[in-house]
Amino acid sequence: MKQAIKSQSNKNSINSYFDLNINDPDLDYLDEDFFKFLEKNRGLINKFNQNYPSWRNQSHKRSDSQKRFAQIPSKLSKLQNSNNINLPPKLTTPSSSTNTSSQNSSVSSAYKRIPSCGNISLNESKSTTFFRKPTKTNLPAIQLQQQNKINDENYQEKSEQQEGISKLKTKREEVRPQVQCKAWGIYKDEDASFIQGENTYEIREMASITKIMTCLVSLKLAKKFDINVSEIYFSVSKTAININGTTAGLEENQWYTIEDLLYGLMLPSGNDAAICLAENFGCLLYFESIGQSKLFSEIQSVDVRDDQYVSDYQRYFLKEMNKIAMQFLLRCTQFSNPHGLANKLNKSNCNDLAKLTYKAMKWRLFRKIVQTKTYLSKYKIINDQTQDVTYGTNFWKNTNKLLDQGYLGVKTGITTSAGSCLSSFYSNYVPSLQKNISVIVIVLGGYKSDDRFDDTQSIIDWYIKTLEEQQKSNKI
């Protein structure tokens, strides 16, 4: 049959109209009548290509022409009301008025004639329907039920089992977490694999959950440059103290160790601490880019107050944030700032933030910081003229209310556009299950500030109850 098609003079035109591959073995079932039909309706086909150019030009991910051919009758039928289309007799199915047995035999023969693509059927309203190769999944429900009753001696027993499973699922559905947030997800702690959630792929602003990446990048750069975070001091610039939103109370000309700035970043959710870290590490990244990274082992502090070399060091840090996001395969995540203030370009989703939390919790200092309720930081002020040094302290309290009873903290976030957000790590022994439960919970888009905490607790409670029900059902 394929050789006969190849010899026809219209093969090139047919191929160009519908991008069909004549050499495709899946097209062996096509008969000569169908190609005559296409040739006869050449004018209609031209009109079809004009009305549906996007279908013809779009890129289809397939290795053969079969799926594209299956769309032809569906698209042509849209022009049927204004044009007379006469499909070849071999491509039409028996009318609905025939009896069931004759219809089944006719349909079976049609399947044999067109085994891969399907059969075209025009009903009285001239709509197009496709009958695919018969399988248990697409046979009519009545036929499938009759077949099971005849062939399966345990049909009644299986039906009762399925009914019991259905009731169990319904029961679990009733105890689904009642949450106010717009998107949430719960994930396994060992690899951040998905367990359950809603709108987990929805891309949203993430508010101060952004600071997880800011903290993680700071830790990675400190390790890369062989910098002791408890000894090296960073300067506080005017840019840092003028930032809006939640702050750590930093003031210009103060000097903090990197470790203290990380506490100021994660506990009070200091946007000023985020800018300070981004500017100073950005300065180091700049010097690395010009081949001066060998000097880092000798430095005791970094001063970015005068911006002597570049106008904005933050962009080097942001570039590093997005670079690491790509390394972590956070495909729906983009960072436009280090603090998380409202910006449509600063976005992510539950799945990506769970992966980010999983990566960050591998760092010992990160785990220590996010579990801390309060912290007393120390800073120094150096008089530029006399070089006299004075010291002071700054007290910070964690904005995360979930730091007890198995909750190991991570990061809060809230803006008008993002809503209230929370990334949490939960690990606790559950007596009823006689095992330890460790999960990551992401909550995005809460309406009120406390919604993020209430929703997280509801999700954890629901998950434990679900595991308890599964354990009971397994015993039964």
Protein backbone atom coordinates (compact mmCIF):
# COMPACT_ATOMS: atom_id res chain seq x y z
CA MET A 1 0.00 0.00 0.00
CA LYS A 2 2.84 2.36 0.88
CA GLN A 3 4.40 1.86 -2.56
CA ALA A 4 1.09 2.71 -4.21
CA ILE A 5 0.87 5.93 -2.24
CA LYS A 6 4.42 6.86 -3.13
CA SER A 7 3.65 6.53 -6.82
CA GLN A 8 0.78 8.98 -6.74
CA SER A 9 1.40 12.41 -8.17
CA ASN A 10 -0.29 14.20 -5.30
CA LYS A 11 1.86 12.72 -2.55
CA ASN A 12 3.98 15.86 -2.22
CA SER A 13 0.99 18.15 -1.94
CA ILE A 14 -0.67 15.91 0.63
CA ASN A 15 2.55 15.75 2.59
CA SER A 16 2.96 19.53 2.57
CA TYR A 17 -0.66 20.17 3.52
CA PHE A 18 -0.60 18.06 6.65
CA ASP A 19 3.08 17.43 7.27
CA LEU A 20 2.53 13.69 6.90
CA ASN A 21 5.53 11.41 6.53
CA ILE A 22 4.73 8.99 3.73
CA ASN A 23 7.49 6.67 4.93
CA ASP A 24 5.93 6.39 8.36
CA PRO A 25 4.94 2.71 8.94
CA ASP A 26 2.02 3.88 11.07
CA LEU A 27 0.34 5.19 7.90
CA ASP A 28 0.17 1.78 6.21
CA TYR A 29 -3.52 1.52 7.05
CA LEU A 30 -4.43 4.50 4.81
CA ASP A 31 -6.16 3.43 1.64
CA GLU A 32 -6.32 5.07 -1.75
CA ASP A 33 -9.89 6.34 -1.20
CA PHE A 34 -8.76 8.63 1.57
CA PHE A 35 -6.04 10.24 -0.53
CA LYS A 36 -8.56 10.69 -3.35
CA PHE A 37 -10.81 12.39 -0.81
CA LEU A 38 -8.02 14.78 0.19
CA GLU A 39 -7.26 15.53 -3.46
CA LYS A 40 -10.94 16.09 -4.26
CA ASN A 41 -11.30 18.58 -1.40
CA ARG A 42 -8.07 20.44 -2.16
CA GLY A 43 -9.86 23.81 -2.09
CA LEU A 44 -11.35 23.09 1.29
CA ILE A 45 -7.94 22.00 2.56
CA ASN A 46 -6.42 25.29 1.41
CA LYS A 47 -9.15 27.15 3.28
CA PHE A 48 -8.49 24.96 6.30
CA ASN A 49 -4.78 25.82 6.26
CA GLN A 50 -5.62 29.52 6.06
CA ASN A 51 -8.04 29.33 8.99
CA TYR A 52 -5.76 27.18 11.15
CA PRO A 53 -2.20 28.28 10.40
CA SER A 54 -1.11 27.80 14.00
CA TRP A 55 -2.03 24.10 13.85
CA ARG A 56 0.03 23.65 10.72
CA ASN A 57 3.03 25.64 11.91
CA GLN A 58 3.26 24.66 15.54
CA SER A 59 5.99 22.30 16.71
CA HIS A 60 4.62 18.87 17.65
CA LYS A 61 6.65 16.57 19.83
CA ARG A 62 6.09 13.25 18.12
CA SER A 63 8.15 10.77 16.19
CA ASP A 64 5.55 9.98 13.52
CA SER A 65 2.69 11.50 11.55
CA GLN A 66 -0.06 9.47 13.11
CA LYS A 67 -1.18 11.93 15.82
CA ARG A 68 -1.16 14.86 13.44
CA PHE A 69 -3.30 12.92 10.96
CA ALA A 70 -5.79 12.23 13.74
CA GLN A 71 -6.44 15.97 14.03
CA ILE A 72 -7.37 16.44 10.36
CA PRO A 73 -11.03 15.32 10.48
CA SER A 74 -11.58 17.21 13.73
CA LYS A 75 -10.30 20.45 12.21
CA LEU A 76 -12.12 19.92 8.89
CA SER A 77 -15.39 19.35 10.70
CA LYS A 78 -15.33 22.96 11.93
CA LEU A 79 -15.77 24.07 8.32
CA GLN A 80 -18.43 21.47 7.61
CA ASN A 81 -21.44 23.73 8.18
CA SER A 82 -20.36 26.05 5.36
CA ASN A 83 -18.98 23.35 3.02
CA ASN A 84 -20.22 20.02 1.82
CA ILE A 85 -17.83 17.30 2.86
CA ASN A 86 -18.35 13.76 1.65
CA LEU A 87 -16.08 11.38 3.47
CA PRO A 88 -15.11 8.15 1.66
CA PRO A 89 -17.47 5.27 2.53
CA LYS A 90 -14.69 3.16 3.98
CA LEU A 91 -14.02 5.81 6.61
CA THR A 92 -17.57 6.04 7.98
CA THR A 93 -18.96 3.86 10.75
CA PRO A 94 -22.36 2.14 10.77
CA SER A 95 -25.28 4.33 11.79
CA SER A 96 -26.60 4.25 15.32
CA SER A 97 -29.81 2.60 14.12
CA THR A 98 -28.13 -0.76 13.53
CA ASN A 99 -28.34 -3.39 16.23
CA THR A 100 -25.61 -3.86 18.80
CA SER A 101 -24.19 -7.07 17.39
CA SER A 102 -23.87 -5.77 13.84
CA GLN A 103 -22.44 -2.52 15.14
CA ASN A 104 -19.84 -4.33 17.21
CA SER A 105 -18.80 -6.49 14.26
CA SER A 106 -18.63 -3.46 11.96
CA VAL A 107 -16.63 -1.49 14.47
CA SER A 108 -14.30 -4.44 14.94
CA SER A 109 -13.67 -4.60 11.22
CA ALA A 110 -13.07 -0.86 11.23
CA TYR A 111 -10.48 -1.32 13.95
CA LYS A 112 -8.73 -3.94 11.85
CA ARG A 113 -8.72 -1.61 8.88
CA ILE A 114 -7.44 1.40 10.86
CA PRO A 115 -5.66 -0.11 13.87
CA SER A 116 -3.54 2.79 15.09
CA CYS A 117 -5.13 6.13 14.33
CA GLY A 118 -8.89 5.64 14.62
CA ASN A 119 -12.15 5.64 12.70
CA ILE A 120 -14.17 8.68 11.68
CA SER A 121 -17.88 8.76 12.50
CA LEU A 122 -20.34 11.48 11.47
CA ASN A 123 -23.59 11.49 13.45
CA GLU A 124 -26.78 13.35 12.59
CA SER A 125 -25.44 16.64 13.98
CA LYS A 126 -22.33 16.22 11.79
CA SER A 127 -19.95 16.27 14.74
CA THR A 128 -16.80 14.19 14.55
CA THR A 129 -15.98 11.37 16.96
CA PHE A 130 -12.93 9.12 17.10
CA PHE A 131 -13.05 5.42 17.94
CA ARG A 132 -9.64 4.25 19.05
CA LYS A 133 -8.20 0.78 19.19
CA PRO A 134 -10.38 -1.23 21.61
CA THR A 135 -8.91 -1.67 25.08
CA LYS A 136 -10.43 -2.20 28.48
CA THR A 137 -10.05 1.50 29.17
CA ASN A 138 -12.13 2.77 26.26
CA LEU A 139 -14.75 0.05 25.74
CA PRO A 140 -18.25 1.12 26.73
CA ALA A 141 -18.82 0.74 30.45
CA ILE A 142 -21.70 -1.71 29.98
CA GLN A 143 -19.67 -4.00 27.72
CA LEU A 144 -16.74 -3.94 30.15
CA GLN A 145 -19.02 -4.79 33.07
CA GLN A 146 -20.65 -7.67 31.17
CA GLN A 147 -17.26 -9.01 30.16
CA ASN A 148 -16.05 -8.92 33.76
CA LYS A 149 -19.18 -10.74 34.99
CA ILE A 150 -18.73 -13.49 32.45
CA ASN A 151 -14.97 -13.96 32.59
CA ASP A 152 -14.23 -13.19 36.22
CA GLU A 153 -15.58 -15.62 38.82
CA ASN A 154 -14.53 -13.28 41.62
CA TYR A 155 -16.31 -10.26 40.18
CA GLN A 156 -18.58 -9.76 43.18
CA GLU A 157 -15.71 -10.10 45.63
CA LYS A 158 -13.59 -7.58 43.73
CA SER A 159 -16.49 -5.15 43.53
CA GLU A 160 -16.92 -5.28 47.29
CA GLN A 161 -13.20 -4.67 47.78
CA GLN A 162 -13.26 -1.70 45.42
CA GLU A 163 -16.29 -0.32 47.21
CA GLY A 164 -14.44 -0.55 50.52
CA ILE A 165 -11.42 1.27 49.07
CA SER A 166 -13.71 3.94 47.66
CA LYS A 167 -15.29 4.48 51.08
CA LEU A 168 -11.84 4.75 52.65
CA LYS A 169 -10.77 7.36 50.10
CA THR A 170 -13.98 9.28 50.73
CA LYS A 171 -13.30 9.21 54.43
CA ARG A 172 -9.77 10.53 53.91
CA GLU A 173 -11.11 13.24 51.64
CA GLU A 174 -13.35 14.45 54.45
CA VAL A 175 -10.36 15.02 56.74
CA ARG A 176 -8.30 16.93 54.18
CA PRO A 177 -6.63 19.95 55.79
CA GLN A 178 -8.85 22.99 56.04
CA VAL A 179 -6.47 25.75 54.97
CA GLN A 180 -6.81 29.41 54.06
CA CYS A 181 -3.71 29.65 51.89
CA LYS A 182 -3.87 29.62 48.10
CA ALA A 183 -1.10 27.05 47.63
CA TRP A 184 0.43 24.44 49.91
CA GLY A 185 2.51 21.29 49.73
CA ILE A 186 3.96 18.65 52.03
CA TYR A 187 7.16 16.85 51.04
CA LYS A 188 9.49 14.12 52.30
CA ASP A 189 12.50 15.42 54.17
CA GLU A 190 15.04 13.03 52.64
CA ASP A 191 14.67 14.24 49.04
CA ALA A 192 11.86 16.85 48.97
CA SER A 193 9.68 14.47 46.97
CA PHE A 194 6.00 15.40 46.76
CA ILE A 195 3.46 13.84 49.14
CA GLN A 196 0.32 15.96 48.80
CA GLY A 197 -0.73 19.53 48.14
CA GLU A 198 -2.80 22.01 46.20
CA ASN A 199 -1.64 24.44 43.50
CA THR A 200 1.94 23.36 44.13
CA TYR A 201 2.96 24.27 40.56
CA GLU A 202 1.38 27.73 40.72
CA ILE A 203 4.08 30.38 40.41
CA ARG A 204 3.71 33.09 43.03
CA GLU A 205 5.71 35.74 44.84
CA MET A 206 7.49 34.21 47.83
CA ALA A 207 8.11 37.26 50.05
CA SER A 208 10.86 36.77 52.65
CA ILE A 209 11.18 33.05 51.97
CA THR A 210 13.64 34.52 49.46
CA LYS A 211 16.03 34.90 52.39
CA ILE A 212 16.55 31.13 52.50
CA MET A 213 18.49 31.45 49.26
CA THR A 214 20.23 34.62 50.49
CA CYS A 215 21.44 32.75 53.57
CA LEU A 216 22.39 29.64 51.60
CA VAL A 217 24.36 31.59 48.99
CA SER A 218 26.20 33.44 51.78
CA LEU A 219 27.20 30.14 53.40
CA LYS A 220 28.31 28.66 50.09
CA LEU A 221 30.39 31.72 49.18
CA ALA A 222 32.01 31.81 52.62
CA LYS A 223 33.05 28.21 52.14
CA LYS A 224 34.19 28.87 48.58
CA PHE A 225 36.36 31.84 49.59
CA ASP A 226 37.56 30.10 52.78
CA ILE A 227 36.14 32.84 55.00
CA ASN A 228 35.48 32.37 58.72
CA VAL A 229 31.92 33.68 59.19
CA SER A 230 32.44 34.34 62.91
CA GLU A 231 35.55 36.50 62.39
CA ILE A 232 35.15 38.49 59.16
CA TYR A 233 33.22 41.78 59.50
CA PHE A 234 30.93 43.33 56.91
CA SER A 235 30.14 47.05 56.72
CA VAL A 236 26.62 48.52 56.75
CA SER A 237 25.94 51.00 53.93
CA LYS A 238 23.33 53.73 53.43
CA THR A 239 21.59 51.50 50.90
CA ALA A 240 21.09 48.84 53.55
CA ILE A 241 19.65 51.11 56.24
CA ASN A 242 17.27 52.84 53.82
CA ILE A 243 15.50 49.65 52.74
CA ASN A 244 11.80 49.33 53.56
CA GLY A 245 9.97 46.55 55.35
CA THR A 246 11.12 44.47 58.30
CA THR A 247 14.61 45.27 59.52
CA ALA A 248 17.24 44.03 61.93
CA GLY A 249 17.85 47.58 63.16
CA LEU A 250 21.23 48.00 61.48
CA GLU A 251 22.76 51.48 61.36
CA GLU A 252 25.28 53.04 59.03
CA ASN A 253 28.96 52.61 59.93
CA GLN A 254 28.22 49.58 62.10
CA TRP A 255 30.23 46.42 61.48
CA TYR A 256 28.80 42.93 61.98
CA THR A 257 30.29 39.49 61.57
CA ILE A 258 28.84 37.42 58.75
CA GLU A 259 27.37 34.99 61.27
CA ASP A 260 25.56 37.76 63.14
CA LEU A 261 24.21 39.15 59.87
CA LEU A 262 22.81 35.71 59.04
CA TYR A 263 20.94 35.74 62.35
CA GLY A 264 19.70 39.25 61.58
CA LEU A 265 18.58 37.99 58.18
CA MET A 266 16.66 34.91 59.33
CA LEU A 267 15.28 35.80 62.78
CA PRO A 268 13.77 39.31 62.51
CA SER A 269 13.69 38.87 58.71
CA GLY A 270 15.93 41.90 58.29
CA ASN A 271 15.83 43.37 54.80
CA ASP A 272 18.77 45.57 55.82
CA ALA A 273 20.77 42.46 56.71
CA ALA A 274 19.89 40.98 53.31
CA ILE A 275 21.21 44.07 51.51
CA CYS A 276 24.32 44.11 53.69
CA LEU A 277 25.15 40.49 52.88
CA ALA A 278 24.38 40.94 49.18
CA GLU A 279 26.56 44.05 48.87
CA ASN A 280 29.57 42.69 50.73
CA PHE A 281 29.54 39.24 49.15
CA GLY A 282 28.83 40.95 45.83
CA CYS A 283 32.02 42.93 46.34
CA LEU A 284 33.96 39.69 46.81
CA LEU A 285 32.35 38.24 43.69
CA TYR A 286 33.40 41.33 41.76
CA PHE A 287 37.04 40.93 42.80
CA GLU A 288 36.84 37.25 41.94
CA SER A 289 35.63 38.19 38.45
CA ILE A 290 38.77 40.29 37.91
CA GLY A 291 41.08 37.59 39.24
CA GLN A 292 41.76 38.95 42.73
CA SER A 293 40.28 36.14 44.83
CA LYS A 294 43.71 35.22 46.23
CA LEU A 295 43.49 38.24 48.52
CA PHE A 296 40.44 36.88 50.38
CA SER A 297 42.52 34.76 52.74
CA GLU A 298 44.16 37.90 54.15
CA ILE A 299 41.13 40.16 54.63
CA GLN A 300 39.59 40.92 58.01
CA SER A 301 36.65 43.00 56.80
CA VAL A 302 34.86 44.22 53.69
CA ASP A 303 33.89 47.86 53.24
CA VAL A 304 31.29 48.75 50.58
CA ARG A 305 30.20 52.11 51.99
CA ASP A 306 31.84 54.22 49.29
CA ASP A 307 31.27 51.93 46.27
CA GLN A 308 34.72 52.72 44.99
CA TYR A 309 34.80 50.17 42.18
CA VAL A 310 31.26 49.56 40.97
CA SER A 311 27.94 51.32 41.49
CA ASP A 312 26.02 48.26 42.65
CA TYR A 313 27.56 45.12 44.12
CA GLN A 314 24.15 43.50 44.64
CA ARG A 315 23.84 42.46 41.02
CA TYR A 316 26.79 40.07 41.40
CA PHE A 317 25.09 38.44 44.37
CA LEU A 318 21.73 38.19 42.56
CA LYS A 319 23.46 36.55 39.63
CA GLU A 320 24.88 33.98 42.04
CA MET A 321 21.43 33.38 43.58
CA ASN A 322 19.90 32.59 40.20
CA LYS A 323 22.92 30.52 39.22
CA ILE A 324 22.49 28.28 42.25
CA ALA A 325 18.75 28.09 41.60
CA MET A 326 19.56 26.65 38.18
CA GLN A 327 22.02 24.19 39.74
CA PHE A 328 19.27 23.02 42.11
CA LEU A 329 16.89 22.63 39.12
CA LEU A 330 14.46 25.20 40.52
CA ARG A 331 12.90 25.71 37.10
CA CYS A 332 10.02 27.91 38.28
CA THR A 333 12.12 30.15 40.51
CA GLN A 334 13.63 33.55 39.82
CA PHE A 335 15.23 36.03 42.21
CA SER A 336 15.15 39.78 41.58
CA ASN A 337 16.27 40.88 45.06
CA PRO A 338 17.89 39.34 48.15
CA HIS A 339 15.11 40.22 50.63
CA GLY A 340 11.76 39.35 49.02
CA LEU A 341 10.00 42.71 48.96
CA ALA A 342 7.11 42.84 46.49
CA ASN A 343 8.32 42.24 42.95
CA LYS A 344 6.56 40.19 40.27
CA LEU A 345 9.92 38.97 39.00
CA ASN A 346 10.79 37.49 42.41
CA LYS A 347 8.80 34.29 42.14
CA SER A 348 8.69 30.57 42.80
CA ASN A 349 6.26 27.78 43.69
CA CYS A 350 5.76 25.26 46.48
CA ASN A 351 7.72 22.48 44.78
CA ASP A 352 10.81 24.60 44.17
CA LEU A 353 10.76 26.11 47.66
CA ALA A 354 10.58 22.62 49.16
CA LYS A 355 13.72 21.68 47.22
CA LEU A 356 15.42 24.88 48.36
CA THR A 357 14.51 24.21 52.00
CA TYR A 358 15.80 20.66 51.67
CA LYS A 359 19.13 21.91 50.30
CA ALA A 360 19.48 24.61 52.96
CA MET A 361 18.75 22.27 55.87
CA LYS A 362 21.83 20.26 54.96
CA TRP A 363 23.96 23.10 56.35
CA ARG A 364 24.62 22.82 60.08
CA LEU A 365 24.79 26.57 60.72
CA PHE A 366 21.57 27.13 58.77
CA ARG A 367 19.74 24.54 60.91
CA LYS A 368 21.10 26.17 64.04
CA ILE A 369 20.02 29.66 63.00
CA VAL A 370 16.45 28.84 61.94
CA GLN A 371 15.76 26.96 65.19
CA THR A 372 16.90 29.89 67.35
CA LYS A 373 14.13 31.85 69.09
CA THR A 374 16.18 34.87 70.19
CA TYR A 375 19.69 36.11 69.55
CA LEU A 376 21.89 38.86 70.99
CA SER A 377 24.24 40.16 68.32
CA LYS A 378 27.37 42.25 68.75
CA TYR A 379 28.61 44.98 66.47
CA LYS A 380 31.44 47.48 66.43
CA ILE A 381 31.73 51.09 65.29
CA ILE A 382 35.07 52.38 64.03
CA ASN A 383 35.79 56.10 64.12
CA ASP A 384 37.22 56.89 60.69
CA GLN A 385 39.37 59.72 62.04
CA THR A 386 40.69 58.37 65.33
CA GLN A 387 40.21 54.66 64.52
CA ASP A 388 38.70 54.22 67.98
CA VAL A 389 36.44 51.18 68.26
CA THR A 390 33.24 51.02 70.30
CA TYR A 391 30.98 48.01 70.72
CA GLY A 392 27.24 47.51 71.03
CA THR A 393 24.56 44.84 70.98
CA ASN A 394 21.37 44.20 69.08
CA PHE A 395 18.56 41.87 70.20
CA TRP A 396 16.58 39.87 67.64
CA LYS A 397 13.51 37.67 68.00
CA ASN A 398 12.44 35.02 65.51
CA THR A 399 9.27 35.85 63.55
CA ASN A 400 8.48 32.14 63.24
CA LYS A 401 5.99 31.00 65.88
CA LEU A 402 6.43 27.30 65.08
CA LEU A 403 9.62 26.40 66.92
CA ASP A 404 8.37 23.76 69.37
CA GLN A 405 6.85 20.27 69.39
CA GLY A 406 8.77 18.96 66.40
CA TYR A 407 8.85 22.17 64.37
CA LEU A 408 12.46 23.00 63.55
CA GLY A 409 11.74 26.39 61.99
CA VAL A 410 12.88 27.69 58.61
CA LYS A 411 11.48 30.99 57.27
CA THR A 412 8.44 33.24 57.33
CA GLY A 413 7.39 35.78 54.73
CA ILE A 414 4.59 38.27 54.19
CA THR A 415 3.81 41.03 51.70
CA THR A 416 0.56 42.42 50.32
CA SER A 417 1.06 40.76 46.93
CA ALA A 418 2.47 37.44 48.18
CA GLY A 419 0.24 37.06 51.24
CA SER A 420 1.50 35.29 54.34
CA CYS A 421 4.01 32.53 53.56
CA LEU A 422 5.93 29.94 55.52
CA SER A 423 8.49 27.24 54.87
CA SER A 424 8.64 24.73 57.74
CA PHE A 425 10.61 21.65 58.66
CA TYR A 426 8.85 19.18 60.96
CA SER A 427 10.49 16.16 62.58
CA ASN A 428 8.92 14.40 65.55
CA TYR A 429 8.20 10.95 66.96
CA VAL A 430 4.54 9.93 66.65
CA PRO A 431 3.58 7.34 69.32
CA SER A 432 0.50 6.11 67.44
CA LEU A 433 2.67 5.27 64.43
CA GLN A 434 5.65 4.17 66.50
CA LYS A 435 8.04 5.98 64.20
CA ASN A 436 9.53 9.38 63.49
CA ILE A 437 7.86 11.67 60.93
CA SER A 438 10.03 14.19 59.06
CA VAL A 439 8.51 16.43 56.39
CA ILE A 440 8.82 19.83 54.74
CA VAL A 441 5.71 22.01 54.51
CA ILE A 442 5.35 25.02 52.21
CA VAL A 443 2.45 27.46 52.58
CA LEU A 444 1.94 30.39 50.19
CA GLY A 445 -0.73 33.06 49.82
CA GLY A 446 -2.35 33.19 53.24
CA TYR A 447 -4.81 35.99 53.96
CA LYS A 448 -3.84 36.81 57.53
CA SER A 449 -0.47 36.76 59.24
CA ASP A 450 -1.34 33.79 61.45
CA ASP A 451 -2.89 31.78 58.59
CA ARG A 452 0.54 30.43 57.65
CA PHE A 453 1.05 28.95 61.12
CA ASP A 454 -2.49 27.58 61.46
CA ASP A 455 -2.41 26.10 57.96
CA THR A 456 0.94 24.41 58.55
CA GLN A 457 -0.32 22.80 61.75
CA SER A 458 -3.51 21.66 59.99
CA ILE A 459 -1.47 20.07 57.19
CA ILE A 460 0.78 18.22 59.65
CA ASP A 461 -2.22 16.99 61.68
CA TRP A 462 -3.97 15.82 58.51
CA TYR A 463 -0.86 13.98 57.32
CA ILE A 464 -0.45 12.12 60.62
CA LYS A 465 -4.14 11.14 60.65
CA THR A 466 -3.83 9.89 57.09
CA LEU A 467 -0.88 7.70 58.04
CA GLU A 468 -2.82 6.37 61.03
CA GLU A 469 -5.75 5.43 58.78
CA GLN A 470 -3.42 3.71 56.35
CA GLN A 471 -1.88 1.75 59.20
CA LYS A 472 -5.32 0.64 60.42
CA SER A 473 -6.46 -0.36 56.93
CA ASN A 474 -3.30 -2.44 56.44
CA LYS A 475 -3.98 -4.33 59.67
CA ILE A 476 -7.53 -5.05 58.53
